[in-house]
């Protein structure tokens, strides 16, 4: 079943980032918000990539360095995002992300 991003999830993420709380110290419901958004972005990326690949080859890039177990380097994650770029153009995409 597809993950659903709740209307409250962005606010949770904004609040967590503002407090500077380490990933391992976030409340379970706050971590679940990050997990929901991350999983939905993965689903969107797979679907978009399948469609895009009908017209060429593309790469998918999910939130750089983010891990559901550790956040980013043991701390809280940055904003979560996804990028789809022409195959081999990932370095170009990095300039805009």
PDB file of N, CA and C in Angstrom:
ATOM      1  N   UNK A   1       0.836  -1.186   0.000  1.00  0.00           N
ATOM      2  CA  UNK A   1       0.000   0.000   0.000  1.00  0.00           C
ATOM      3  C   UNK A   1       0.882   1.251   0.000  1.00  0.00           C
ATOM      4  N   UNK A   2       0.493   2.237  -0.753  1.00  0.00           N
ATOM      5  CA  UNK A   2       1.273   3.467  -0.870  1.00  0.00           C
ATOM      6  C   UNK A   2       1.247   4.240   0.444  1.00  0.00           C
ATOM      7  N   UNK A   3       2.406   4.763   0.804  1.00  0.00           N
ATOM      8  CA  UNK A   3       2.491   5.626   1.974  1.00  0.00           C
ATOM      9  C   UNK A   3       1.750   6.923   1.675  1.00  0.00           C
ATOM     10  N   UNK A   4       1.124   7.478   2.679  1.00  0.00           N
ATOM     11  CA  UNK A   4       0.414   8.741   2.528  1.00  0.00           C
ATOM     12  C   UNK A   4       1.119   9.781   3.388  1.00  0.00           C
ATOM     13  N   UNK A   5       1.511  10.865   2.755  1.00  0.00           N
ATOM     14  CA  UNK A   5       2.110  11.963   3.502  1.00  0.00           C
ATOM     15  C   UNK A   5       0.966  12.736   4.141  1.00  0.00           C
ATOM     16  N   UNK A   6       1.001  12.844   5.441  1.00  0.00           N
ATOM     17  CA  UNK A   6      -0.053  13.551   6.175  1.00  0.00           C
ATOM     18  C   UNK A   6       0.187  15.058   6.116  1.00  0.00           C
ATOM     19  N   UNK A   7      -0.885  15.811   6.220  1.00  0.00           N
ATOM     20  CA  UNK A   7      -0.773  17.267   6.160  1.00  0.00           C
ATOM     21  C   UNK A   7       0.073  17.823   7.300  1.00  0.00           C
ATOM     22  N   UNK A   8       0.212  17.071   8.380  1.00  0.00           N
ATOM     23  CA  UNK A   8       0.995  17.528   9.528  1.00  0.00           C
ATOM     24  C   UNK A   8       2.485  17.184   9.416  1.00  0.00           C
ATOM     25  N   UNK A   9       2.844  16.286   8.510  1.00  0.00           N
ATOM     26  CA  UNK A   9       4.235  15.823   8.407  1.00  0.00           C
ATOM     27  C   UNK A   9       5.240  16.942   8.149  1.00  0.00           C
ATOM     28  N   UNK A  10       4.990  17.866   7.207  1.00  0.00           N
ATOM     29  CA  UNK A  10       5.976  18.934   6.993  1.00  0.00           C
ATOM     30  C   UNK A  10       6.209  19.781   8.253  1.00  0.00           C
ATOM     31  N   UNK A  11       5.147  20.039   9.013  1.00  0.00           N
ATOM     32  CA  UNK A  11       5.295  20.805  10.250  1.00  0.00           C
ATOM     33  C   UNK A  11       6.119  20.068  11.282  1.00  0.00           C
ATOM     34  N   UNK A  12       5.933  18.752  11.355  1.00  0.00           N
ATOM     35  CA  UNK A  12       6.718  17.928  12.272  1.00  0.00           C
ATOM     36  C   UNK A  12       8.192  18.027  11.895  1.00  0.00           C
ATOM     37  N   UNK A  13       8.471  17.885  10.619  1.00  0.00           N
ATOM     38  CA  UNK A  13       9.853  17.929  10.150  1.00  0.00           C
ATOM     39  C   UNK A  13      10.474  19.308  10.412  1.00  0.00           C
ATOM     40  N   UNK A  14       9.716  20.360  10.167  1.00  0.00           N
ATOM     41  CA  UNK A  14      10.210  21.715  10.410  1.00  0.00           C
ATOM     42  C   UNK A  14      10.508  21.913  11.900  1.00  0.00           C
ATOM     43  N   UNK A  15       9.610  21.462  12.761  1.00  0.00           N
ATOM     44  CA  UNK A  15       9.804  21.584  14.203  1.00  0.00           C
ATOM     45  C   UNK A  15      11.044  20.809  14.666  1.00  0.00           C
ATOM     46  N   UNK A  16      11.207  19.594  14.161  1.00  0.00           N
ATOM     47  CA  UNK A  16      12.354  18.766  14.545  1.00  0.00           C
ATOM     48  C   UNK A  16      13.672  19.413  14.136  1.00  0.00           C
ATOM     49  N   UNK A  17      13.692  19.966  12.944  1.00  0.00           N
ATOM     50  CA  UNK A  17      14.923  20.627  12.484  1.00  0.00           C
ATOM     51  C   UNK A  17      15.216  21.860  13.312  1.00  0.00           C
ATOM     52  N   UNK A  18      14.168  22.609  13.677  1.00  0.00           N
ATOM     53  CA  UNK A  18      14.359  23.848  14.439  1.00  0.00           C
ATOM     54  C   UNK A  18      14.913  23.577  15.836  1.00  0.00           C
ATOM     55  N   UNK A  19      14.547  22.445  16.419  1.00  0.00           N
ATOM     56  CA  UNK A  19      15.015  22.136  17.780  1.00  0.00           C
ATOM     57  C   UNK A  19      16.437  21.610  17.790  1.00  0.00           C
ATOM     58  N   UNK A  20      16.915  21.097  16.652  1.00  0.00           N
ATOM     59  CA  UNK A  20      18.266  20.555  16.581  1.00  0.00           C
ATOM     60  C   UNK A  20      18.429  19.217  17.289  1.00  0.00           C
ATOM     61  N   UNK A  21      17.310  18.546  17.532  1.00  0.00           N
ATOM     62  CA  UNK A  21      17.357  17.255  18.220  1.00  0.00           C
ATOM     63  C   UNK A  21      17.997  16.199  17.335  1.00  0.00           C
ATOM     64  N   UNK A  22      18.885  15.405  17.918  1.00  0.00           N
ATOM     65  CA  UNK A  22      19.532  14.327  17.168  1.00  0.00           C
ATOM     66  C   UNK A  22      18.491  13.295  16.760  1.00  0.00           C
ATOM     67  N   UNK A  23      18.735  12.648  15.629  1.00  0.00           N
ATOM     68  CA  UNK A  23      17.816  11.640  15.089  1.00  0.00           C
ATOM     69  C   UNK A  23      17.452  10.586  16.123  1.00  0.00           C
ATOM     70  N   UNK A  24      18.435  10.074  16.825  1.00  0.00           N
ATOM     71  CA  UNK A  24      18.191   8.994  17.794  1.00  0.00           C
ATOM     72  C   UNK A  24      17.365   9.465  18.981  1.00  0.00           C
ATOM     73  N   UNK A  25      17.257  10.759  19.186  1.00  0.00           N
ATOM     74  CA  UNK A  25      16.492  11.299  20.304  1.00  0.00           C
ATOM     75  C   UNK A  25      15.097  11.771  19.907  1.00  0.00           C
ATOM     76  N   UNK A  26      14.760  11.711  18.616  1.00  0.00           N
ATOM     77  CA  UNK A  26      13.428  12.136  18.180  1.00  0.00           C
ATOM     78  C   UNK A  26      12.365  11.198  18.727  1.00  0.00           C
ATOM     79  N   UNK A  27      11.211  11.752  19.035  1.00  0.00           N
ATOM     80  CA  UNK A  27      10.080  10.938  19.477  1.00  0.00           C
ATOM     81  C   UNK A  27       9.674   9.989  18.352  1.00  0.00           C
ATOM     82  N   UNK A  28       9.146   8.846  18.720  1.00  0.00           N
ATOM     83  CA  UNK A  28       8.756   7.827  17.743  1.00  0.00           C
ATOM     84  C   UNK A  28       7.830   8.399  16.674  1.00  0.00           C
ATOM     85  N   UNK A  29       6.833   9.190  17.073  1.00  0.00           N
ATOM     86  CA  UNK A  29       5.890   9.740  16.089  1.00  0.00           C
ATOM     87  C   UNK A  29       6.567  10.725  15.145  1.00  0.00           C
ATOM     88  N   UNK A  30       7.607  11.419  15.609  1.00  0.00           N
ATOM     89  CA  UNK A  30       8.352  12.326  14.734  1.00  0.00           C
ATOM     90  C   UNK A  30       9.169  11.529  13.717  1.00  0.00           C
ATOM     91  N   UNK A  31       9.813  10.469  14.166  1.00  0.00           N
ATOM     92  CA  UNK A  31      10.573   9.614  13.243  1.00  0.00           C
ATOM     93  C   UNK A  31       9.647   8.976  12.221  1.00  0.00           C
ATOM     94  N   UNK A  32       8.445   8.607  12.662  1.00  0.00           N
ATOM     95  CA  UNK A  32       7.471   8.007  11.737  1.00  0.00           C
ATOM     96  C   UNK A  32       7.083   8.982  10.640  1.00  0.00           C
ATOM     97  N   UNK A  33       7.007  10.275  10.942  1.00  0.00           N
ATOM     98  CA  UNK A  33       6.699  11.275   9.916  1.00  0.00           C
ATOM     99  C   UNK A  33       7.791  11.286   8.852  1.00  0.00           C
ATOM    100  N   UNK A  34       9.055  11.293   9.297  1.00  0.00           N
ATOM    101  CA  UNK A  34      10.172  11.234   8.348  1.00  0.00           C
ATOM    102  C   UNK A  34      10.116   9.953   7.522  1.00  0.00           C
ATOM    103  N   UNK A  35       9.828   8.836   8.157  1.00  0.00           N
ATOM    104  CA  UNK A  35       9.769   7.549   7.454  1.00  0.00           C
ATOM    105  C   UNK A  35       8.651   7.538   6.422  1.00  0.00           C
ATOM    106  N   UNK A  36       7.481   8.086   6.782  1.00  0.00           N
ATOM    107  CA  UNK A  36       6.362   8.150   5.846  1.00  0.00           C
ATOM    108  C   UNK A  36       6.742   8.940   4.600  1.00  0.00           C
ATOM    109  N   UNK A  37       7.317  10.119   4.816  1.00  0.00           N
ATOM    110  CA  UNK A  37       7.688  10.982   3.690  1.00  0.00           C
ATOM    111  C   UNK A  37       8.762  10.309   2.847  1.00  0.00           C
ATOM    112  N   UNK A  38       9.775   9.729   3.503  1.00  0.00           N
ATOM    113  CA  UNK A  38      10.853   9.063   2.777  1.00  0.00           C
ATOM    114  C   UNK A  38      10.318   7.910   1.924  1.00  0.00           C
ATOM    115  N   UNK A  39       9.463   7.066   2.503  1.00  0.00           N
ATOM    116  CA  UNK A  39       8.914   5.936   1.747  1.00  0.00           C
ATOM    117  C   UNK A  39       8.049   6.404   0.576  1.00  0.00           C
ATOM    118  N   UNK A  40       7.271   7.456   0.784  1.00  0.00           N
ATOM    119  CA  UNK A  40       6.428   7.958  -0.307  1.00  0.00           C
ATOM    120  C   UNK A  40       7.291   8.532  -1.422  1.00  0.00           C
ATOM    121  N   UNK A  41       8.357   9.234  -1.068  1.00  0.00           N
ATOM    122  CA  UNK A  41       9.269   9.756  -2.091  1.00  0.00           C
ATOM    123  C   UNK A  41       9.898   8.621  -2.889  1.00  0.00           C
ATOM    124  N   UNK A  42      10.245   7.518  -2.216  1.00  0.00           N
ATOM    125  CA  UNK A  42      10.775   6.346  -2.930  1.00  0.00           C
ATOM    126  C   UNK A  42       9.748   5.812  -3.918  1.00  0.00           C
ATOM    127  N   UNK A  43       8.489   5.722  -3.492  1.00  0.00           N
ATOM    128  CA  UNK A  43       7.427   5.227  -4.373  1.00  0.00           C
ATOM    129  C   UNK A  43       7.229   6.152  -5.569  1.00  0.00           C
ATOM    130  N   UNK A  44       7.205   7.444  -5.314  1.00  0.00           N
ATOM    131  CA  UNK A  44       7.049   8.426  -6.392  1.00  0.00           C
ATOM    132  C   UNK A  44       8.220   8.330  -7.359  1.00  0.00           C
ATOM    133  N   UNK A  45       9.416   8.199  -6.823  1.00  0.00           N
ATOM    134  CA  UNK A  45      10.612   8.113  -7.659  1.00  0.00           C
ATOM    135  C   UNK A  45      10.574   6.887  -8.561  1.00  0.00           C
ATOM    136  N   UNK A  46      10.206   5.732  -8.011  1.00  0.00           N
ATOM    137  CA  UNK A  46      10.130   4.511  -8.825  1.00  0.00           C
ATOM    138  C   UNK A  46       9.107   4.669  -9.948  1.00  0.00           C
ATOM    139  N   UNK A  47       7.954   5.209  -9.623  1.00  0.00           N
ATOM    140  CA  UNK A  47       6.907   5.391 -10.621  1.00  0.00           C
ATOM    141  C   UNK A  47       7.325   6.394 -11.700  1.00  0.00           C
ATOM    142  N   UNK A  48       7.853   7.532 -11.265  1.00  0.00           N
ATOM    143  CA  UNK A  48       8.285   8.560 -12.224  1.00  0.00           C
ATOM    144  C   UNK A  48       9.425   8.057 -13.090  1.00  0.00           C
ATOM    145  N   UNK A  49      10.347   7.307 -12.493  1.00  0.00           N
ATOM    146  CA  UNK A  49      11.482   6.784 -13.240  1.00  0.00           C
ATOM    147  C   UNK A  49      11.019   5.780 -14.292  1.00  0.00           C
ATOM    148  N   UNK A  50      10.051   4.954 -13.958  1.00  0.00           N
ATOM    149  CA  UNK A  50       9.518   3.987 -14.925  1.00  0.00           C
ATOM    150  C   UNK A  50       8.897   4.712 -16.121  1.00  0.00           C
ATOM    151  N   UNK A  51       8.184   5.781 -15.846  1.00  0.00           N
ATOM    152  CA  UNK A  51       7.567   6.561 -16.930  1.00  0.00           C
ATOM    153  C   UNK A  51       8.653   7.279 -17.741  1.00  0.00           C
ATOM    154  N   UNK A  52       9.594   7.921 -17.051  1.00  0.00           N
ATOM    155  CA  UNK A  52      10.651   8.671 -17.734  1.00  0.00           C
ATOM    156  C   UNK A  52      11.512   7.767 -18.599  1.00  0.00           C
ATOM    157  N   UNK A  53      11.785   6.558 -18.125  1.00  0.00           N
ATOM    158  CA  UNK A  53      12.657   5.648 -18.869  1.00  0.00           C
ATOM    159  C   UNK A  53      12.046   5.181 -20.190  1.00  0.00           C
ATOM    160  N   UNK A  54      10.784   5.446 -20.426  1.00  0.00           N
ATOM    161  CA  UNK A  54      10.181   5.154 -21.726  1.00  0.00           C
ATOM    162  C   UNK A  54      10.722   6.106 -22.791  1.00  0.00           C
ATOM    163  N   UNK A  55      11.290   7.231 -22.337  1.00  0.00           N
ATOM    164  CA  UNK A  55      11.814   8.250 -23.249  1.00  0.00           C
ATOM    165  C   UNK A  55      13.310   8.461 -23.099  1.00  0.00           C
ATOM    166  N   UNK A  56      13.994   7.520 -22.537  1.00  0.00           N
ATOM    167  CA  UNK A  56      15.434   7.640 -22.320  1.00  0.00           C
ATOM    168  C   UNK A  56      15.783   6.983 -20.996  1.00  0.00           C
ATOM    169  N   UNK A  57      17.012   7.167 -20.586  1.00  0.00           N
ATOM    170  CA  UNK A  57      17.451   6.563 -19.332  1.00  0.00           C
ATOM    171  C   UNK A  57      17.684   7.657 -18.296  1.00  0.00           C
ATOM    172  N   UNK A  58      17.173   7.420 -17.112  1.00  0.00           N
ATOM    173  CA  UNK A  58      17.240   8.407 -16.041  1.00  0.00           C
ATOM    174  C   UNK A  58      17.759   7.764 -14.760  1.00  0.00           C
ATOM    175  N   UNK A  59      18.340   8.597 -13.889  1.00  0.00           N
ATOM    176  CA  UNK A  59      18.794   8.178 -12.572  1.00  0.00           C
ATOM    177  C   UNK A  59      17.904   8.824 -11.520  1.00  0.00           C
ATOM    178  N   UNK A  60      17.721   8.124 -10.421  1.00  0.00           N
ATOM    179  CA  UNK A  60      16.956   8.640  -9.286  1.00  0.00           C
ATOM    180  C   UNK A  60      17.926   8.896  -8.149  1.00  0.00           C
ATOM    181  N   UNK A  61      17.730  10.004  -7.465  1.00  0.00           N
ATOM    182  CA  UNK A  61      18.561  10.355  -6.343  1.00  0.00           C
ATOM    183  C   UNK A  61      17.661  10.776  -5.199  1.00  0.00           C
ATOM    184  N   UNK A  62      17.684  10.020  -4.097  1.00  0.00           N
ATOM    185  CA  UNK A  62      16.905  10.351  -2.903  1.00  0.00           C
ATOM    186  C   UNK A  62      17.793  11.066  -1.900  1.00  0.00           C
ATOM    187  N   UNK A  63      17.196  11.828  -1.037  1.00  0.00           N
ATOM    188  CA  UNK A  63      17.869  12.605  -0.006  1.00  0.00           C
ATOM    189  C   UNK A  63      19.283  12.111   0.283  1.00  0.00           C
ATOM    190  N   UNK A  64      20.241  12.892  -0.104  1.00  0.00           N
ATOM    191  CA  UNK A  64      21.644  12.519   0.010  1.00  0.00           C
ATOM    192  C   UNK A  64      22.034  12.251   1.461  1.00  0.00           C
ATOM    193  N   UNK A  65      22.537  11.054   1.706  1.00  0.00           N
ATOM    194  CA  UNK A  65      23.054  10.716   3.016  1.00  0.00           C
ATOM    195  C   UNK A  65      22.030  10.359   4.065  1.00  0.00           C
ATOM    196  N   UNK A  66      20.744  10.320   3.721  1.00  0.00           N
ATOM    197  CA  UNK A  66      19.707  10.029   4.714  1.00  0.00           C
ATOM    198  C   UNK A  66      19.558   8.533   4.917  1.00  0.00           C
ATOM    199  N   UNK A  67      19.408   8.138   6.165  1.00  0.00           N
ATOM    200  CA  UNK A  67      19.190   6.742   6.535  1.00  0.00           C
ATOM    201  C   UNK A  67      18.055   6.680   7.542  1.00  0.00           C
ATOM    202  N   UNK A  68      17.148   5.714   7.363  1.00  0.00           N
ATOM    203  CA  UNK A  68      16.056   5.559   8.324  1.00  0.00           C
ATOM    204  C   UNK A  68      16.570   5.142   9.696  1.00  0.00           C
ATOM    205  N   UNK A  69      17.746   4.553   9.746  1.00  0.00           N
ATOM    206  CA  UNK A  69      18.304   4.121  11.034  1.00  0.00           C
ATOM    207  C   UNK A  69      19.066   5.236  11.741  1.00  0.00           C
ATOM    208  N   UNK A  70      19.764   6.069  10.964  1.00  0.00           N
ATOM    209  CA  UNK A  70      20.681   7.031  11.584  1.00  0.00           C
ATOM    210  C   UNK A  70      20.407   8.484  11.244  1.00  0.00           C
ATOM    211  N   UNK A  71      19.383   8.771  10.443  1.00  0.00           N
ATOM    212  CA  UNK A  71      19.198  10.148  10.009  1.00  0.00           C
ATOM    213  C   UNK A  71      20.343  10.507   9.083  1.00  0.00           C
ATOM    214  N   UNK A  72      21.028  11.587   9.358  1.00  0.00           N
ATOM    215  CA  UNK A  72      22.210  11.982   8.604  1.00  0.00           C
ATOM    216  C   UNK A  72      23.373  12.056   9.582  1.00  0.00           C
ATOM    217  N   UNK A  73      24.337  11.161   9.387  1.00  0.00           N
ATOM    218  CA  UNK A  73      25.519  11.099  10.241  1.00  0.00           C
ATOM    219  C   UNK A  73      25.154  11.091  11.719  1.00  0.00           C
ATOM    220  N   UNK A  74      24.106  10.340  12.082  1.00  0.00           N
ATOM    221  CA  UNK A  74      23.714  10.206  13.472  1.00  0.00           C
ATOM    222  C   UNK A  74      22.910  11.368  14.013  1.00  0.00           C
ATOM    223  N   UNK A  75      22.676  12.369  13.204  1.00  0.00           N
ATOM    224  CA  UNK A  75      21.904  13.520  13.651  1.00  0.00           C
ATOM    225  C   UNK A  75      20.571  13.540  12.916  1.00  0.00           C
ATOM    226  N   UNK A  76      19.800  14.579  13.102  1.00  0.00           N
ATOM    227  CA  UNK A  76      18.515  14.649  12.413  1.00  0.00           C
ATOM    228  C   UNK A  76      18.732  14.859  10.917  1.00  0.00           C
ATOM    229  N   UNK A  77      17.810  14.395  10.089  1.00  0.00           N
ATOM    230  CA  UNK A  77      17.980  14.550   8.641  1.00  0.00           C
ATOM    231  C   UNK A  77      17.720  15.973   8.179  1.00  0.00           C
ATOM    232  N   UNK A  78      18.226  16.234   6.997  1.00  0.00           N
ATOM    233  CA  UNK A  78      17.931  17.483   6.320  1.00  0.00           C
ATOM    234  C   UNK A  78      16.518  17.368   5.763  1.00  0.00           C
ATOM    235  N   UNK A  79      16.121  18.328   4.927  1.00  0.00           N
ATOM    236  CA  UNK A  79      14.862  18.183   4.207  1.00  0.00           C
ATOM    237  C   UNK A  79      14.936  16.912   3.379  1.00  0.00           C
ATOM    238  N   UNK A  80      13.804  16.253   3.194  1.00  0.00           N
ATOM    239  CA  UNK A  80      13.756  15.057   2.352  1.00  0.00           C
ATOM    240  C   UNK A  80      13.344  15.463   0.951  1.00  0.00           C
ATOM    241  N   UNK A  81      13.973  14.863  -0.066  1.00  0.00           N
ATOM    242  CA  UNK A  81      13.694  15.220  -1.450  1.00  0.00           C
ATOM    243  C   UNK A  81      14.031  14.065  -2.376  1.00  0.00           C
ATOM    244  N   UNK A  82      13.630  14.220  -3.627  1.00  0.00           N
ATOM    245  CA  UNK A  82      13.953  13.260  -4.678  1.00  0.00           C
ATOM    246  C   UNK A  82      14.257  14.049  -5.949  1.00  0.00           C
ATOM    247  N   UNK A  83      15.210  13.546  -6.728  1.00  0.00           N
ATOM    248  CA  UNK A  83      15.532  14.145  -8.021  1.00  0.00           C
ATOM    249  C   UNK A  83      15.609  13.035  -9.063  1.00  0.00           C
ATOM    250  N   UNK A  84      15.133  13.329 -10.257  1.00  0.00           N
ATOM    251  CA  UNK A  84      15.250  12.408 -11.387  1.00  0.00           C
ATOM    252  C   UNK A  84      15.951  13.184 -12.494  1.00  0.00           C
ATOM    253  N   UNK A  85      17.104  12.651 -12.907  1.00  0.00           N
ATOM    254  CA  UNK A  85      17.942  13.332 -13.901  1.00  0.00           C
ATOM    255  C   UNK A  85      18.263  12.389 -15.047  1.00  0.00           C
ATOM    256  N   UNK A  86      18.560  12.976 -16.209  1.00  0.00           N
ATOM    257  CA  UNK A  86      19.032  12.165 -17.325  1.00  0.00           C
ATOM    258  C   UNK A  86      20.204  11.318 -16.862  1.00  0.00           C
ATOM    259  N   UNK A  87      20.285  10.098 -17.327  1.00  0.00           N
ATOM    260  CA  UNK A  87      21.377   9.194 -16.950  1.00  0.00           C
ATOM    261  C   UNK A  87      22.711   9.874 -17.223  1.00  0.00           C
ATOM    262  N   UNK A  88      23.575   9.856 -16.247  1.00  0.00           N
ATOM    263  CA  UNK A  88      24.889  10.467 -16.388  1.00  0.00           C
ATOM    264  C   UNK A  88      24.922  11.949 -16.061  1.00  0.00           C
ATOM    265  N   UNK A  89      23.773  12.554 -15.805  1.00  0.00           N
ATOM    266  CA  UNK A  89      23.735  13.995 -15.547  1.00  0.00           C
ATOM    267  C   UNK A  89      23.565  14.302 -14.065  1.00  0.00           C
ATOM    268  N   UNK A  90      23.816  13.315 -13.220  1.00  0.00           N
ATOM    269  CA  UNK A  90      23.607  13.501 -11.789  1.00  0.00           C
ATOM    270  C   UNK A  90      24.437  14.653 -11.238  1.00  0.00           C
ATOM    271  N   UNK A  91      25.619  14.846 -11.751  1.00  0.00           N
ATOM    272  CA  UNK A  91      26.447  15.963 -11.273  1.00  0.00           C
ATOM    273  C   UNK A  91      25.793  17.291 -11.605  1.00  0.00           C
ATOM    274  N   UNK A  92      25.116  17.373 -12.756  1.00  0.00           N
ATOM    275  CA  UNK A  92      24.367  18.583 -13.101  1.00  0.00           C
ATOM    276  C   UNK A  92      23.248  18.817 -12.104  1.00  0.00           C
ATOM    277  N   UNK A  93      22.516  17.758 -11.760  1.00  0.00           N
ATOM    278  CA  UNK A  93      21.417  17.881 -10.810  1.00  0.00           C
ATOM    279  C   UNK A  93      21.920  18.384  -9.472  1.00  0.00           C
ATOM    280  N   UNK A  94      23.069  17.927  -9.044  1.00  0.00           N
ATOM    281  CA  UNK A  94      23.606  18.325  -7.738  1.00  0.00           C
ATOM    282  C   UNK A  94      23.808  19.828  -7.654  1.00  0.00           C
ATOM    283  N   UNK A  95      24.038  20.481  -8.783  1.00  0.00           N
ATOM    284  CA  UNK A  95      24.232  21.915  -8.776  1.00  0.00           C
ATOM    285  C   UNK A  95      22.952  22.669  -8.435  1.00  0.00           C
ATOM    286  N   UNK A  96      21.802  22.017  -8.608  1.00  0.00           N
ATOM    287  CA  UNK A  96      20.514  22.673  -8.359  1.00  0.00           C
ATOM    288  C   UNK A  96      19.873  22.228  -7.075  1.00  0.00           C
ATOM    289  N   UNK A  97      20.394  21.209  -6.449  1.00  0.00           N
ATOM    290  CA  UNK A  97      19.765  20.647  -5.247  1.00  0.00           C
ATOM    291  C   UNK A  97      20.514  21.101  -4.019  1.00  0.00           C
TER     292      UNK A  97
END
